[in-house]
Amino acid sequence: MGSLPSDAWTELPQPEGLTRLAEIAARTYGAPSPAHVVAAPGSQIMMTLLAGSVAPDRAAVLGPTYAEHARVAELCGHKVVETSDTGRLGDAALAIVVNPNNPDGRVIQRAALLSAAEHLQRRGGRLVVDEAFMEAGAPAESLADAVGSESIVVLRSFGKFYGLPGLRLSFALASPNLARCLAAALGPWPVSGTALAIGAEALADRSWSNAARASLEAASTRLDALLAGAGLKVIGGTFLFRLVQAPNAEALFRRLGERGVLVRRFEREPEWLRFGLPGAESDWQRLEAALATSGMLRS
């Protein structure tokens, strides 16, 4: 990444910068055209706009999953139900799927989602697919190229794959009509000048993204081996994280935390722990040492 232009800090973002970013994002994500792309300061605000654009009714969330989407839908007046059956998504006014899923990495096949979207379209409903982890998951299952339909919206997160969540940049891929409505609701300066500059350069660098994906795959394989050596059962994940099942998950969570290794636990699934990929080699060594001193690594 080169140095940022000075006007990224000193001037309001210009429309041509937003247009250029939409063009690059459309090519990178596989949207039909830049007219199908809306940039936003994070997927959360976009989910709020999308939930609010559907008249309050029944919202179906494919779960268990990231809790914020259900919370937002409820705030917008929807009666939220969680289901594990994709066949039930088509009965709602608003259906929400995280694909690949957070936290278990579950991937729903494209054909199943298109079928749900077809049912929703007949009822005037909408399917929102959050593909925040798609670059590190199963790109072939993306619905990015299917957003010409009014019933399908795809959310893509810049921060996950590029490791820059603090930049607060995401995209909604939608029909041109809905994209115009979302853009109008966000106003003339939806993202910062720095986000425009960094996002455009990073998304256009396909060599970097290909190399990063290969590096993440290798790192996740290494993490699998380390966790297996500790006797932990990997039950899901993406190239960015691994989900394990352990009968003593709560005690392990506490012992790892005491050694400076933070993993995520889940109230609803007390035997689950999610491990993110370590960064530097010293982080890998710290995780290995923490597992060993926690009595997990096998000799």
Protein backbone atom coordinates (compact mmCIF):
# COMPACT_ATOMS: atom_id res chain seq x y z
CA MET A 1 0.00 0.00 0.00
CA GLY A 2 1.45 3.33 -1.03
CA SER A 3 1.15 6.54 0.94
CA LEU A 4 -2.32 8.05 1.10
CA PRO A 5 -2.99 11.23 -0.89
CA SER A 6 -3.08 14.24 1.41
CA ASP A 7 -6.62 15.17 0.33
CA ALA A 8 -7.86 11.86 1.79
CA TRP A 9 -7.43 13.60 5.15
CA THR A 10 -8.03 17.24 4.33
CA GLU A 11 -11.03 17.21 1.98
CA LEU A 12 -14.47 15.67 1.91
CA PRO A 13 -14.61 12.49 -0.20
CA GLN A 14 -15.39 13.27 -3.83
CA PRO A 15 -18.11 11.46 -5.84
CA GLU A 16 -15.61 10.22 -8.40
CA GLY A 17 -13.74 8.39 -5.64
CA LEU A 18 -16.90 6.60 -4.62
CA THR A 19 -17.64 5.74 -8.25
CA ARG A 20 -14.14 4.30 -8.73
CA LEU A 21 -14.45 2.22 -5.57
CA ALA A 22 -17.80 0.82 -6.75
CA GLU A 23 -16.27 -0.13 -10.11
CA ILE A 24 -13.39 -1.98 -8.46
CA ALA A 25 -15.65 -3.65 -5.90
CA ALA A 26 -18.02 -4.87 -8.62
CA ARG A 27 -15.11 -6.53 -10.47
CA THR A 28 -13.61 -7.98 -7.31
CA TYR A 29 -16.80 -9.40 -5.84
CA GLY A 30 -18.44 -10.38 -9.12
CA ALA A 31 -21.45 -8.05 -8.99
CA PRO A 32 -23.20 -7.45 -12.34
CA SER A 33 -22.12 -3.79 -12.51
CA PRO A 34 -21.05 -0.80 -10.37
CA ALA A 35 -24.73 0.23 -10.29
CA HIS A 36 -25.31 -2.82 -8.09
CA VAL A 37 -22.73 -1.71 -5.47
CA VAL A 38 -23.19 0.58 -2.44
CA ALA A 39 -20.31 1.37 -0.10
CA ALA A 40 -21.05 1.86 3.59
CA PRO A 41 -19.19 2.41 6.90
CA GLY A 42 -19.63 -1.20 8.02
CA SER A 43 -22.22 -3.90 7.39
CA GLN A 44 -24.08 -3.15 10.61
CA ILE A 45 -25.52 0.14 9.40
CA MET A 46 -26.41 -1.47 6.08
CA MET A 47 -28.27 -4.27 7.85
CA THR A 48 -30.25 -1.64 9.75
CA LEU A 49 -31.26 0.08 6.51
CA LEU A 50 -32.19 -3.22 4.87
CA ALA A 51 -34.27 -4.44 7.80
CA GLY A 52 -36.01 -1.07 7.89
CA SER A 53 -36.75 -1.19 4.16
CA VAL A 54 -39.06 -4.18 4.64
CA ALA A 55 -42.44 -3.61 6.30
CA PRO A 56 -42.46 -5.11 9.81
CA ASP A 57 -43.39 -8.76 9.57
CA ARG A 58 -41.72 -12.10 10.19
CA ALA A 59 -37.93 -12.22 9.88
CA ALA A 60 -36.21 -15.60 9.69
CA VAL A 61 -32.55 -15.87 10.68
CA LEU A 62 -30.62 -19.03 9.82
CA GLY A 63 -28.94 -19.91 13.08
CA PRO A 64 -27.21 -20.25 15.33
CA THR A 65 -25.26 -17.26 14.02
CA TYR A 66 -24.01 -13.73 14.60
CA ALA A 67 -26.54 -12.19 17.00
CA GLU A 68 -26.53 -8.58 15.83
CA HIS A 69 -28.57 -9.17 12.67
CA ALA A 70 -31.50 -10.57 14.65
CA ARG A 71 -31.25 -7.71 17.14
CA VAL A 72 -31.39 -5.11 14.38
CA ALA A 73 -34.34 -6.81 12.67
CA GLU A 74 -36.21 -6.84 15.96
CA LEU A 75 -35.48 -3.14 16.52
CA CYS A 76 -36.99 -2.47 13.08
CA GLY A 77 -40.24 -4.08 14.20
CA HIS A 78 -39.88 -7.59 12.81
CA LYS A 79 -40.88 -10.70 14.74
CA VAL A 80 -37.63 -12.64 14.58
CA VAL A 81 -37.52 -16.42 14.49
CA GLU A 82 -34.37 -18.51 14.32
CA THR A 83 -34.34 -21.60 12.14
CA SER A 84 -31.77 -24.18 11.11
CA ASP A 85 -33.82 -25.15 8.05
CA THR A 86 -33.16 -23.23 4.82
CA GLY A 87 -36.54 -24.42 3.59
CA ARG A 88 -38.26 -22.17 6.13
CA LEU A 89 -36.52 -19.01 4.96
CA GLY A 90 -38.93 -18.54 2.06
CA ASP A 91 -41.90 -18.17 4.41
CA ALA A 92 -40.62 -14.90 5.88
CA ALA A 93 -40.76 -11.30 4.71
CA LEU A 94 -37.07 -10.93 5.54
CA ALA A 95 -34.60 -13.81 5.60
CA ILE A 96 -31.03 -13.41 6.87
CA VAL A 97 -28.19 -15.86 6.27
CA VAL A 98 -24.54 -15.52 7.23
CA ASN A 99 -22.57 -17.53 4.67
CA PRO A 100 -19.99 -18.81 5.57
CA ASN A 101 -21.48 -18.71 9.02
CA ASN A 102 -20.10 -17.02 12.09
CA PRO A 103 -19.02 -18.78 14.33
CA ASP A 104 -19.00 -22.31 12.91
CA GLY A 105 -18.05 -21.72 9.26
CA ARG A 106 -21.15 -23.54 7.98
CA VAL A 107 -21.57 -23.01 4.24
CA ILE A 108 -25.01 -23.06 2.60
CA GLN A 109 -24.91 -24.07 -1.03
CA ARG A 110 -25.78 -21.45 -3.61
CA ALA A 111 -28.61 -23.55 -5.05
CA ALA A 112 -30.41 -23.70 -1.70
CA LEU A 113 -30.15 -19.93 -1.25
CA LEU A 114 -31.38 -19.23 -4.77
CA SER A 115 -34.35 -21.50 -4.12
CA ALA A 116 -35.17 -19.60 -0.92
CA ALA A 117 -34.84 -16.29 -2.77
CA GLU A 118 -37.25 -17.49 -5.44
CA HIS A 119 -39.88 -18.28 -2.79
CA LEU A 120 -39.28 -14.91 -1.14
CA GLN A 121 -39.63 -13.06 -4.44
CA ARG A 122 -43.05 -14.60 -5.06
CA ARG A 123 -44.15 -13.23 -1.69
CA GLY A 124 -42.47 -9.86 -2.07
CA GLY A 125 -39.85 -10.80 0.51
CA ARG A 126 -36.09 -10.31 0.61
CA LEU A 127 -33.06 -12.50 1.32
CA VAL A 128 -30.00 -10.82 2.83
CA VAL A 129 -26.82 -12.90 2.70
CA ASP A 130 -23.93 -11.68 4.82
CA GLU A 131 -20.80 -12.92 3.04
CA ALA A 132 -18.29 -11.29 5.40
CA PHE A 133 -16.10 -14.41 5.43
CA MET A 134 -16.61 -15.42 1.79
CA GLU A 135 -13.06 -14.58 0.66
CA ALA A 136 -11.77 -17.00 3.29
CA GLY A 137 -14.53 -19.54 2.82
CA ALA A 138 -16.25 -20.89 -0.27
CA PRO A 139 -16.24 -18.25 -3.07
CA ALA A 140 -18.12 -20.53 -5.48
CA GLU A 141 -21.20 -20.32 -3.23
CA SER A 142 -21.41 -16.51 -3.38
CA LEU A 143 -24.62 -14.87 -4.61
CA ALA A 144 -22.80 -11.71 -5.69
CA ASP A 145 -23.67 -12.24 -9.33
CA ALA A 146 -27.37 -12.87 -8.56
CA VAL A 147 -28.22 -9.49 -7.05
CA GLY A 148 -30.04 -8.33 -10.17
CA SER A 149 -33.09 -9.83 -8.46
CA GLU A 150 -34.96 -7.48 -6.12
CA SER A 151 -35.21 -10.35 -3.63
CA ILE A 152 -31.44 -10.81 -3.08
CA VAL A 153 -28.97 -8.56 -1.28
CA VAL A 154 -25.39 -9.55 -0.49
CA LEU A 155 -23.25 -7.87 2.15
CA ARG A 156 -19.47 -7.97 1.79
CA SER A 157 -17.07 -6.84 4.49
CA PHE A 158 -13.71 -5.33 3.60
CA GLY A 159 -12.26 -5.50 7.11
CA LYS A 160 -12.36 -9.27 7.68
CA PHE A 161 -10.18 -10.50 4.82
CA TYR A 162 -7.92 -7.44 4.64
CA GLY A 163 -7.43 -7.28 8.39
CA LEU A 164 -8.63 -3.67 8.68
CA PRO A 165 -11.89 -3.73 10.66
CA GLY A 166 -11.15 -0.27 12.05
CA LEU A 167 -11.44 1.19 8.55
CA ARG A 168 -15.22 0.57 8.71
CA LEU A 169 -15.81 -0.26 5.06
CA SER A 170 -18.33 -2.68 3.62
CA PHE A 171 -20.54 -3.08 0.57
CA ALA A 172 -24.11 -3.99 -0.22
CA LEU A 173 -24.61 -5.69 -3.57
CA ALA A 174 -28.21 -5.20 -4.66
CA SER A 175 -30.47 -4.41 -7.60
CA PRO A 176 -29.80 -0.93 -9.05
CA ASN A 177 -33.15 0.31 -7.75
CA LEU A 178 -32.48 -0.82 -4.17
CA ALA A 179 -28.84 0.29 -4.43
CA ARG A 180 -29.99 3.84 -5.27
CA CYS A 181 -32.33 3.84 -2.28
CA LEU A 182 -29.60 2.64 0.07
CA ALA A 183 -27.12 5.18 -1.27
CA ALA A 184 -29.65 7.98 -0.80
CA ALA A 185 -30.27 6.90 2.80
CA LEU A 186 -26.52 6.90 3.53
CA GLY A 187 -26.07 10.41 2.13
CA PRO A 188 -23.35 12.02 0.01
CA TRP A 189 -20.31 10.99 2.12
CA PRO A 190 -21.01 7.42 3.23
CA VAL A 191 -17.36 6.47 3.80
CA SER A 192 -14.22 8.42 4.59
CA GLY A 193 -11.63 9.55 2.08
CA THR A 194 -9.10 7.19 3.66
CA ALA A 195 -11.50 4.26 3.25
CA LEU A 196 -12.04 5.18 -0.41
CA ALA A 197 -8.31 5.30 -1.11
CA ILE A 198 -7.30 2.20 0.87
CA GLY A 199 -10.30 0.17 -0.26
CA ALA A 200 -9.79 0.90 -3.95
CA GLU A 201 -6.09 0.05 -3.90
CA ALA A 202 -6.49 -3.11 -1.84
CA LEU A 203 -9.46 -4.51 -3.77
CA ALA A 204 -7.67 -3.94 -7.08
CA ASP A 205 -4.57 -5.86 -5.96
CA ARG A 206 -5.50 -9.38 -7.03
CA SER A 207 -1.94 -10.67 -6.63
CA TRP A 208 -2.02 -9.73 -2.95
CA SER A 209 -5.46 -11.28 -2.36
CA ASN A 210 -4.46 -14.55 -4.06
CA ALA A 211 -1.28 -14.76 -2.01
CA ALA A 212 -3.15 -13.86 1.19
CA ARG A 213 -5.72 -16.58 0.58
CA ALA A 214 -2.98 -19.18 0.08
CA SER A 215 -1.20 -17.97 3.23
CA LEU A 216 -4.41 -18.14 5.28
CA GLU A 217 -5.12 -21.66 4.03
CA ALA A 218 -1.65 -22.80 5.06
CA ALA A 219 -2.00 -21.12 8.47
CA SER A 220 -5.39 -22.70 9.12
CA THR A 221 -3.93 -26.13 8.28
CA ARG A 222 -1.13 -25.46 10.76
CA LEU A 223 -3.68 -24.43 13.40
CA ASP A 224 -5.66 -27.62 12.76
CA ALA A 225 -2.55 -29.68 13.45
CA LEU A 226 -1.76 -27.76 16.64
CA LEU A 227 -5.31 -28.11 17.96
CA ALA A 228 -5.47 -31.80 17.04
CA GLY A 229 -2.17 -32.32 18.86
CA ALA A 230 -3.82 -30.79 21.93
CA GLY A 231 -6.64 -33.30 21.67
CA LEU A 232 -9.17 -30.70 20.56
CA LYS A 233 -11.81 -31.63 18.00
CA VAL A 234 -12.16 -29.13 15.16
CA ILE A 235 -15.83 -29.01 14.14
CA GLY A 236 -15.88 -26.00 11.81
CA GLY A 237 -14.34 -22.74 10.70
CA THR A 238 -12.96 -20.76 7.77
CA PHE A 239 -9.41 -19.86 6.80
CA LEU A 240 -9.62 -17.08 9.44
CA PHE A 241 -10.71 -19.11 12.47
CA ARG A 242 -11.33 -22.60 13.78
CA LEU A 243 -14.16 -23.82 16.02
CA VAL A 244 -13.41 -26.65 18.42
CA GLN A 245 -15.50 -28.78 20.73
CA ALA A 246 -14.14 -29.64 24.16
CA PRO A 247 -15.97 -31.05 27.21
CA ASN A 248 -13.80 -28.85 29.45
CA ALA A 249 -14.17 -25.73 27.29
CA GLU A 250 -14.89 -23.37 30.18
CA ALA A 251 -11.82 -24.44 32.16
CA LEU A 252 -9.66 -24.31 29.03
CA PHE A 253 -10.97 -20.84 28.19
CA ARG A 254 -9.95 -19.65 31.64
CA ARG A 255 -6.51 -21.32 31.61
CA LEU A 256 -5.66 -19.96 28.15
CA GLY A 257 -6.77 -16.48 29.19
CA GLU A 258 -4.49 -16.60 32.23
CA ARG A 259 -1.63 -17.24 29.79
CA GLY A 260 -2.52 -14.34 27.52
CA VAL A 261 -4.37 -16.31 24.84
CA LEU A 262 -7.92 -15.11 24.21
CA VAL A 263 -10.39 -17.41 22.52
CA ARG A 264 -14.13 -17.01 22.17
CA ARG A 265 -16.65 -19.04 24.11
CA PHE A 266 -20.41 -19.35 23.61
CA GLU A 267 -23.16 -19.34 26.22
CA ARG A 268 -25.51 -21.36 24.02
CA GLU A 269 -22.85 -23.96 23.22
CA PRO A 270 -20.75 -24.37 26.37
CA GLU A 271 -18.44 -26.94 24.74
CA TRP A 272 -17.46 -24.63 21.87
CA LEU A 273 -14.36 -22.45 21.64
CA ARG A 274 -13.28 -20.40 18.63
CA PHE A 275 -9.58 -19.89 17.91
CA GLY A 276 -8.43 -17.12 15.60
CA LEU A 277 -5.28 -17.51 13.51
CA PRO A 278 -2.13 -16.41 15.35
CA GLY A 279 -0.21 -13.65 13.60
CA ALA A 280 3.55 -13.54 14.12
CA GLU A 281 5.63 -16.64 14.78
CA SER A 282 5.91 -15.55 18.41
CA ASP A 283 2.12 -15.73 18.65
CA TRP A 284 2.13 -19.30 17.37
CA GLN A 285 4.74 -20.21 19.97
CA ARG A 286 2.70 -18.51 22.70
CA LEU A 287 -0.40 -20.50 21.75
CA GLU A 288 1.55 -23.76 21.69
CA ALA A 289 3.07 -23.00 25.08
CA ALA A 290 -0.33 -22.04 26.53
CA LEU A 291 -1.88 -25.29 25.32
CA ALA A 292 1.04 -27.24 26.75
CA THR A 293 0.94 -25.56 30.15
CA SER A 294 -2.83 -25.96 30.21
CA GLY A 295 -2.25 -29.71 30.08
CA MET A 296 -3.69 -30.05 26.58
CA LEU A 297 -0.78 -30.89 24.27
CA ARG A 298 0.01 -34.55 23.98
CA SER A 299 3.60 -35.65 24.41
